[in-house]
Amino acid sequence: MFVLMNGLGVDLEQERKNHLPVDFIRFHFSSKRKKATTILEAIKDNEHGYDKRCHMKGASEIVINSCTKFLG
């Protein structure tokens, strides 16, 4: 992905600085967990007043089983 973004003239590090908040926790993808997770803190633009947000990607059955609620 890094090579693709550079090929398009996008500075990936600058984009991360522009869009990722300072306060975040990252659990990188592992084949054992079959998912990667990023937890963002100090979120201000939400409708429920909770200041954290979790972004997860990976195997669909693992991600769905990690959720208590989702929008369909």
PDB file of N, CA and C in Angstrom:
ATOM      1  N   MET A   1       0.828  -1.189   0.000  1.00  0.00           N
ATOM      2  CA  MET A   1       0.000   0.000   0.000  1.00  0.00           C
ATOM      3  C   MET A   1       0.872   1.252   0.000  1.00  0.00           C
ATOM      4  N   PHE A   2       1.950   1.202   0.768  1.00  0.00           N
ATOM      5  CA  PHE A   2       2.841   2.347   0.844  1.00  0.00           C
ATOM      6  C   PHE A   2       3.392   2.696  -0.534  1.00  0.00           C
ATOM      7  N   VAL A   3       3.784   1.682  -1.304  1.00  0.00           N
ATOM      8  CA  VAL A   3       4.323   1.897  -2.645  1.00  0.00           C
ATOM      9  C   VAL A   3       3.257   2.482  -3.560  1.00  0.00           C
ATOM     10  N   LEU A   4       2.034   1.971  -3.461  1.00  0.00           N
ATOM     11  CA  LEU A   4       0.923   2.477  -4.277  1.00  0.00           C
ATOM     12  C   LEU A   4       0.650   3.943  -3.978  1.00  0.00           C
ATOM     13  N   MET A   5       0.590   4.300  -2.697  1.00  0.00           N
ATOM     14  CA  MET A   5       0.318   5.684  -2.314  1.00  0.00           C
ATOM     15  C   MET A   5       1.445   6.606  -2.789  1.00  0.00           C
ATOM     16  N   ASN A   6       2.698   6.162  -2.649  1.00  0.00           N
ATOM     17  CA  ASN A   6       3.818   6.965  -3.144  1.00  0.00           C
ATOM     18  C   ASN A   6       3.746   7.127  -4.646  1.00  0.00           C
ATOM     19  N   GLY A   7       3.346   6.060  -5.347  1.00  0.00           N
ATOM     20  CA  GLY A   7       3.209   6.124  -6.801  1.00  0.00           C
ATOM     21  C   GLY A   7       2.156   7.130  -7.247  1.00  0.00           C
ATOM     22  N   LEU A   8       1.165   7.352  -6.404  1.00  0.00           N
ATOM     23  CA  LEU A   8       0.117   8.332  -6.700  1.00  0.00           C
ATOM     24  C   LEU A   8       0.484   9.727  -6.216  1.00  0.00           C
ATOM     25  N   GLY A   9       1.666   9.855  -5.633  1.00  0.00           N
ATOM     26  CA  GLY A   9       2.111  11.164  -5.164  1.00  0.00           C
ATOM     27  C   GLY A   9       1.549  11.564  -3.810  1.00  0.00           C
ATOM     28  N   VAL A  10       1.083  10.602  -3.031  1.00  0.00           N
ATOM     29  CA  VAL A  10       0.504  10.884  -1.716  1.00  0.00           C
ATOM     30  C   VAL A  10       1.559  10.633  -0.643  1.00  0.00           C
ATOM     31  N   ASP A  11       1.737  11.593   0.232  1.00  0.00           N
ATOM     32  CA  ASP A  11       2.663  11.442   1.361  1.00  0.00           C
ATOM     33  C   ASP A  11       1.887  10.769   2.496  1.00  0.00           C
ATOM     34  N   LEU A  12       2.082   9.460   2.647  1.00  0.00           N
ATOM     35  CA  LEU A  12       1.311   8.668   3.598  1.00  0.00           C
ATOM     36  C   LEU A  12       1.533   9.134   5.034  1.00  0.00           C
ATOM     37  N   GLU A  13       2.759   9.455   5.386  1.00  0.00           N
ATOM     38  CA  GLU A  13       3.039   9.921   6.755  1.00  0.00           C
ATOM     39  C   GLU A  13       2.324  11.236   7.047  1.00  0.00           C
ATOM     40  N   GLN A  14       2.285  12.132   6.074  1.00  0.00           N
ATOM     41  CA  GLN A  14       1.593  13.408   6.267  1.00  0.00           C
ATOM     42  C   GLN A  14       0.086  13.184   6.394  1.00  0.00           C
ATOM     43  N   GLU A  15      -0.456  12.275   5.601  1.00  0.00           N
ATOM     44  CA  GLU A  15      -1.888  11.961   5.698  1.00  0.00           C
ATOM     45  C   GLU A  15      -2.230  11.371   7.064  1.00  0.00           C
ATOM     46  N   ARG A  16      -1.364  10.517   7.584  1.00  0.00           N
ATOM     47  CA  ARG A  16      -1.591   9.973   8.929  1.00  0.00           C
ATOM     48  C   ARG A  16      -1.595  11.088   9.964  1.00  0.00           C
ATOM     49  N   LYS A  17      -0.659  12.028   9.849  1.00  0.00           N
ATOM     50  CA  LYS A  17      -0.605  13.151  10.797  1.00  0.00           C
ATOM     51  C   LYS A  17      -1.847  14.023  10.688  1.00  0.00           C
ATOM     52  N   ASN A  18      -2.361  14.181   9.469  1.00  0.00           N
ATOM     53  CA  ASN A  18      -3.540  15.017   9.252  1.00  0.00           C
ATOM     54  C   ASN A  18      -4.817  14.377   9.789  1.00  0.00           C
ATOM     55  N   HIS A  19      -4.925  13.050   9.709  1.00  0.00           N
ATOM     56  CA  HIS A  19      -6.200  12.401   9.987  1.00  0.00           C
ATOM     57  C   HIS A  19      -6.235  11.527  11.237  1.00  0.00           C
ATOM     58  N   LEU A  20      -5.088  11.064  11.711  1.00  0.00           N
ATOM     59  CA  LEU A  20      -5.088  10.260  12.932  1.00  0.00           C
ATOM     60  C   LEU A  20      -4.893  11.169  14.139  1.00  0.00           C
ATOM     61  N   PRO A  21      -5.704  10.984  15.149  1.00  0.00           N
ATOM     62  CA  PRO A  21      -5.498  11.789  16.355  1.00  0.00           C
ATOM     63  C   PRO A  21      -4.214  11.363  17.070  1.00  0.00           C
ATOM     64  N   VAL A  22      -3.757  12.194  17.953  1.00  0.00           N
ATOM     65  CA  VAL A  22      -2.540  11.896  18.710  1.00  0.00           C
ATOM     66  C   VAL A  22      -2.786  10.709  19.639  1.00  0.00           C
ATOM     67  N   ASP A  23      -3.966  10.668  20.242  1.00  0.00           N
ATOM     68  CA  ASP A  23      -4.284   9.622  21.206  1.00  0.00           C
ATOM     69  C   ASP A  23      -4.941   8.434  20.517  1.00  0.00           C
ATOM     70  N   PHE A  24      -4.159   7.393  20.241  1.00  0.00           N
ATOM     71  CA  PHE A  24      -4.740   6.169  19.709  1.00  0.00           C
ATOM     72  C   PHE A  24      -3.888   4.976  20.108  1.00  0.00           C
ATOM     73  N   ILE A  25      -4.544   3.828  20.159  1.00  0.00           N
ATOM     74  CA  ILE A  25      -3.893   2.566  20.501  1.00  0.00           C
ATOM     75  C   ILE A  25      -4.078   1.649  19.302  1.00  0.00           C
ATOM     76  N   ARG A  26      -3.011   0.991  18.880  1.00  0.00           N
ATOM     77  CA  ARG A  26      -3.095   0.125  17.702  1.00  0.00           C
ATOM     78  C   ARG A  26      -2.642  -1.285  18.061  1.00  0.00           C
ATOM     79  N   PHE A  27      -3.499  -2.249  17.715  1.00  0.00           N
ATOM     80  CA  PHE A  27      -3.158  -3.664  17.800  1.00  0.00           C
ATOM     81  C   PHE A  27      -3.026  -4.143  16.359  1.00  0.00           C
ATOM     82  N   HIS A  28      -1.816  -4.413  15.920  1.00  0.00           N
ATOM     83  CA  HIS A  28      -1.561  -4.792  14.536  1.00  0.00           C
ATOM     84  C   HIS A  28      -2.171  -6.160  14.221  1.00  0.00           C
ATOM     85  N   PHE A  29      -2.367  -6.394  12.948  1.00  0.00           N
ATOM     86  CA  PHE A  29      -2.943  -7.667  12.506  1.00  0.00           C
ATOM     87  C   PHE A  29      -2.016  -8.819  12.881  1.00  0.00           C
ATOM     88  N   SER A  30      -2.627  -9.884  13.349  1.00  0.00           N
ATOM     89  CA  SER A  30      -1.875 -11.124  13.556  1.00  0.00           C
ATOM     90  C   SER A  30      -2.725 -12.275  13.030  1.00  0.00           C
ATOM     91  N   SER A  31      -2.078 -13.274  12.484  1.00  0.00           N
ATOM     92  CA  SER A  31      -2.829 -14.413  11.943  1.00  0.00           C
ATOM     93  C   SER A  31      -3.499 -15.216  13.051  1.00  0.00           C
ATOM     94  N   LYS A  32      -2.989 -15.126  14.258  1.00  0.00           N
ATOM     95  CA  LYS A  32      -3.615 -15.825  15.381  1.00  0.00           C
ATOM     96  C   LYS A  32      -4.946 -15.158  15.765  1.00  0.00           C
ATOM     97  N   ARG A  33      -4.954 -13.811  15.853  1.00  0.00           N
ATOM     98  CA  ARG A  33      -6.176 -13.090  16.217  1.00  0.00           C
ATOM     99  C   ARG A  33      -7.099 -12.890  15.018  1.00  0.00           C
ATOM    100  N   LYS A  34      -6.542 -12.892  13.820  1.00  0.00           N
ATOM    101  CA  LYS A  34      -7.262 -12.703  12.559  1.00  0.00           C
ATOM    102  C   LYS A  34      -7.968 -11.353  12.486  1.00  0.00           C
ATOM    103  N   LYS A  35      -7.380 -10.360  13.144  1.00  0.00           N
ATOM    104  CA  LYS A  35      -7.941  -9.017  13.070  1.00  0.00           C
ATOM    105  C   LYS A  35      -6.888  -7.999  13.478  1.00  0.00           C
ATOM    106  N   ALA A  36      -7.142  -6.751  13.122  1.00  0.00           N
ATOM    107  CA  ALA A  36      -6.345  -5.609  13.559  1.00  0.00           C
ATOM    108  C   ALA A  36      -7.320  -4.595  14.141  1.00  0.00           C
ATOM    109  N   THR A  37      -6.898  -3.900  15.188  1.00  0.00           N
ATOM    110  CA  THR A  37      -7.791  -2.975  15.877  1.00  0.00           C
ATOM    111  C   THR A  37      -7.057  -1.680  16.180  1.00  0.00           C
ATOM    112  N   THR A  38      -7.751  -0.567  15.976  1.00  0.00           N
ATOM    113  CA  THR A  38      -7.257   0.742  16.369  1.00  0.00           C
ATOM    114  C   THR A  38      -8.315   1.387  17.248  1.00  0.00           C
ATOM    115  N   ILE A  39      -7.906   1.876  18.403  1.00  0.00           N
ATOM    116  CA  ILE A  39      -8.819   2.552  19.324  1.00  0.00           C
ATOM    117  C   ILE A  39      -8.438   4.020  19.351  1.00  0.00           C
ATOM    118  N   LEU A  40      -9.386   4.868  18.961  1.00  0.00           N
ATOM    119  CA  LEU A  40      -9.175   6.313  18.956  1.00  0.00           C
ATOM    120  C   LEU A  40      -9.768   6.892  20.233  1.00  0.00           C
ATOM    121  N   GLU A  41      -9.055   7.825  20.837  1.00  0.00           N
ATOM    122  CA  GLU A  41      -9.522   8.459  22.062  1.00  0.00           C
ATOM    123  C   GLU A  41      -9.726   9.949  21.836  1.00  0.00           C
ATOM    124  N   ALA A  42     -10.474  10.578  22.719  1.00  0.00           N
ATOM    125  CA  ALA A  42     -10.762  12.020  22.662  1.00  0.00           C
ATOM    126  C   ALA A  42     -11.536  12.376  21.400  1.00  0.00           C
ATOM    127  N   ILE A  43     -12.504  11.555  21.027  1.00  0.00           N
ATOM    128  CA  ILE A  43     -13.367  11.817  19.867  1.00  0.00           C
ATOM    129  C   ILE A  43     -14.424  12.836  20.279  1.00  0.00           C
ATOM    130  N   LYS A  44     -14.550  13.890  19.521  1.00  0.00           N
ATOM    131  CA  LYS A  44     -15.504  14.943  19.876  1.00  0.00           C
ATOM    132  C   LYS A  44     -16.763  14.927  19.008  1.00  0.00           C
ATOM    133  N   ASP A  45     -16.676  14.415  17.801  1.00  0.00           N
ATOM    134  CA  ASP A  45     -17.812  14.479  16.874  1.00  0.00           C
ATOM    135  C   ASP A  45     -18.622  13.180  16.871  1.00  0.00           C
ATOM    136  N   ASN A  46     -19.217  12.851  18.013  1.00  0.00           N
ATOM    137  CA  ASN A  46     -20.047  11.662  18.063  1.00  0.00           C
ATOM    138  C   ASN A  46     -21.425  12.017  18.600  1.00  0.00           C
ATOM    139  N   GLU A  47     -22.383  11.158  18.366  1.00  0.00           N
ATOM    140  CA  GLU A  47     -23.750  11.474  18.775  1.00  0.00           C
ATOM    141  C   GLU A  47     -24.131  10.858  20.113  1.00  0.00           C
ATOM    142  N   HIS A  48     -23.272  10.043  20.700  1.00  0.00           N
ATOM    143  CA  HIS A  48     -23.623   9.372  21.947  1.00  0.00           C
ATOM    144  C   HIS A  48     -22.832   9.881  23.149  1.00  0.00           C
ATOM    145  N   GLY A  49     -21.908  10.803  22.950  1.00  0.00           N
ATOM    146  CA  GLY A  49     -21.159  11.380  24.043  1.00  0.00           C
ATOM    147  C   GLY A  49     -20.007  10.533  24.557  1.00  0.00           C
ATOM    148  N   TYR A  50     -19.730   9.416  23.910  1.00  0.00           N
ATOM    149  CA  TYR A  50     -18.628   8.554  24.325  1.00  0.00           C
ATOM    150  C   TYR A  50     -17.382   8.990  23.571  1.00  0.00           C
ATOM    151  N   ASP A  51     -16.265   9.168  24.274  1.00  0.00           N
ATOM    152  CA  ASP A  51     -15.096   9.779  23.640  1.00  0.00           C
ATOM    153  C   ASP A  51     -14.093   8.789  23.049  1.00  0.00           C
ATOM    154  N   LYS A  52     -14.486   7.541  22.872  1.00  0.00           N
ATOM    155  CA  LYS A  52     -13.602   6.555  22.245  1.00  0.00           C
ATOM    156  C   LYS A  52     -14.313   5.913  21.051  1.00  0.00           C
ATOM    157  N   ARG A  53     -13.507   5.482  20.082  1.00  0.00           N
ATOM    158  CA  ARG A  53     -14.043   4.801  18.906  1.00  0.00           C
ATOM    159  C   ARG A  53     -13.100   3.670  18.544  1.00  0.00           C
ATOM    160  N   CYS A  54     -13.655   2.530  18.172  1.00  0.00           N
ATOM    161  CA  CYS A  54     -12.866   1.348  17.826  1.00  0.00           C
ATOM    162  C   CYS A  54     -13.050   1.045  16.341  1.00  0.00           C
ATOM    163  N   HIS A  55     -11.951   0.930  15.621  1.00  0.00           N
ATOM    164  CA  HIS A  55     -11.963   0.526  14.217  1.00  0.00           C
ATOM    165  C   HIS A  55     -11.294  -0.838  14.141  1.00  0.00           C
ATOM    166  N   MET A  56     -11.975  -1.789  13.508  1.00  0.00           N
ATOM    167  CA  MET A  56     -11.457  -3.150  13.449  1.00  0.00           C
ATOM    168  C   MET A  56     -11.570  -3.656  12.017  1.00  0.00           C
ATOM    169  N   LYS A  57     -10.561  -4.410  11.590  1.00  0.00           N
ATOM    170  CA  LYS A  57     -10.626  -5.062  10.282  1.00  0.00           C
ATOM    171  C   LYS A  57     -10.055  -6.454  10.427  1.00  0.00           C
ATOM    172  N   GLY A  58     -10.548  -7.349   9.580  1.00  0.00           N
ATOM    173  CA  GLY A  58     -10.066  -8.719   9.632  1.00  0.00           C
ATOM    174  C   GLY A  58     -11.115  -9.678   9.115  1.00  0.00           C
ATOM    175  N   ALA A  59     -11.020 -10.919   9.547  1.00  0.00           N
ATOM    176  CA  ALA A  59     -11.963 -11.953   9.120  1.00  0.00           C
ATOM    177  C   ALA A  59     -13.366 -11.581   9.595  1.00  0.00           C
ATOM    178  N   SER A  60     -14.335 -11.644   8.700  1.00  0.00           N
ATOM    179  CA  SER A  60     -15.685 -11.175   9.015  1.00  0.00           C
ATOM    180  C   SER A  60     -16.282 -11.873  10.225  1.00  0.00           C
ATOM    181  N   GLU A  61     -16.083 -13.179  10.363  1.00  0.00           N
ATOM    182  CA  GLU A  61     -16.670 -13.894  11.500  1.00  0.00           C
ATOM    183  C   GLU A  61     -16.033 -13.462  12.820  1.00  0.00           C
ATOM    184  N   ILE A  62     -14.778 -13.075  12.804  1.00  0.00           N
ATOM    185  CA  ILE A  62     -14.098 -12.605  14.010  1.00  0.00           C
ATOM    186  C   ILE A  62     -14.586 -11.205  14.377  1.00  0.00           C
ATOM    187  N   VAL A  63     -14.688 -10.344  13.378  1.00  0.00           N
ATOM    188  CA  VAL A  63     -15.118  -8.969  13.626  1.00  0.00           C
ATOM    189  C   VAL A  63     -16.560  -8.942  14.127  1.00  0.00           C
ATOM    190  N   ILE A  64     -17.460  -9.660  13.472  1.00  0.00           N
ATOM    191  CA  ILE A  64     -18.876  -9.684  13.884  1.00  0.00           C
ATOM    192  C   ILE A  64     -19.015 -10.233  15.301  1.00  0.00           C
ATOM    193  N   ASN A  65     -18.272 -11.255  15.636  1.00  0.00           N
ATOM    194  CA  ASN A  65     -18.362 -11.837  16.984  1.00  0.00           C
ATOM    195  C   ASN A  65     -17.802 -10.907  18.063  1.00  0.00           C
ATOM    196  N   SER A  66     -17.024  -9.896  17.666  1.00  0.00           N
ATOM    197  CA  SER A  66     -16.490  -8.923  18.614  1.00  0.00           C
ATOM    198  C   SER A  66     -17.467  -7.796  18.895  1.00  0.00           C
ATOM    199  N   CYS A  67     -18.520  -7.689  18.102  1.00  0.00           N
ATOM    200  CA  CYS A  67     -19.460  -6.578  18.205  1.00  0.00           C
ATOM    201  C   CYS A  67     -20.636  -6.904  19.122  1.00  0.00           C
ATOM    202  N   THR A  68     -21.095  -5.878  19.830  1.00  0.00           N
ATOM    203  CA  THR A  68     -22.336  -6.011  20.595  1.00  0.00           C
ATOM    204  C   THR A  68     -23.488  -5.363  19.831  1.00  0.00           C
ATOM    205  N   LYS A  69     -23.169  -4.366  18.991  1.00  0.00           N
ATOM    206  CA  LYS A  69     -24.164  -3.671  18.162  1.00  0.00           C
ATOM    207  C   LYS A  69     -23.502  -3.314  16.839  1.00  0.00           C
ATOM    208  N   PHE A  70     -24.274  -3.236  15.795  1.00  0.00           N
ATOM    209  CA  PHE A  70     -23.762  -2.780  14.517  1.00  0.00           C
ATOM    210  C   PHE A  70     -24.893  -2.223  13.674  1.00  0.00           C
ATOM    211  N   LEU A  71     -24.545  -1.390  12.703  1.00  0.00           N
ATOM    212  CA  LEU A  71     -25.504  -0.824  11.769  1.00  0.00           C
ATOM    213  C   LEU A  71     -25.504  -1.675  10.518  1.00  0.00           C
ATOM    214  N   GLY A  72     -26.658  -2.022  10.043  1.00  0.00           N
ATOM    215  CA  GLY A  72     -26.743  -2.847   8.848  1.00  0.00           C
ATOM    216  C   GLY A  72     -27.350  -2.140   7.689  1.00  0.00           C
TER     217      GLY A  72
END
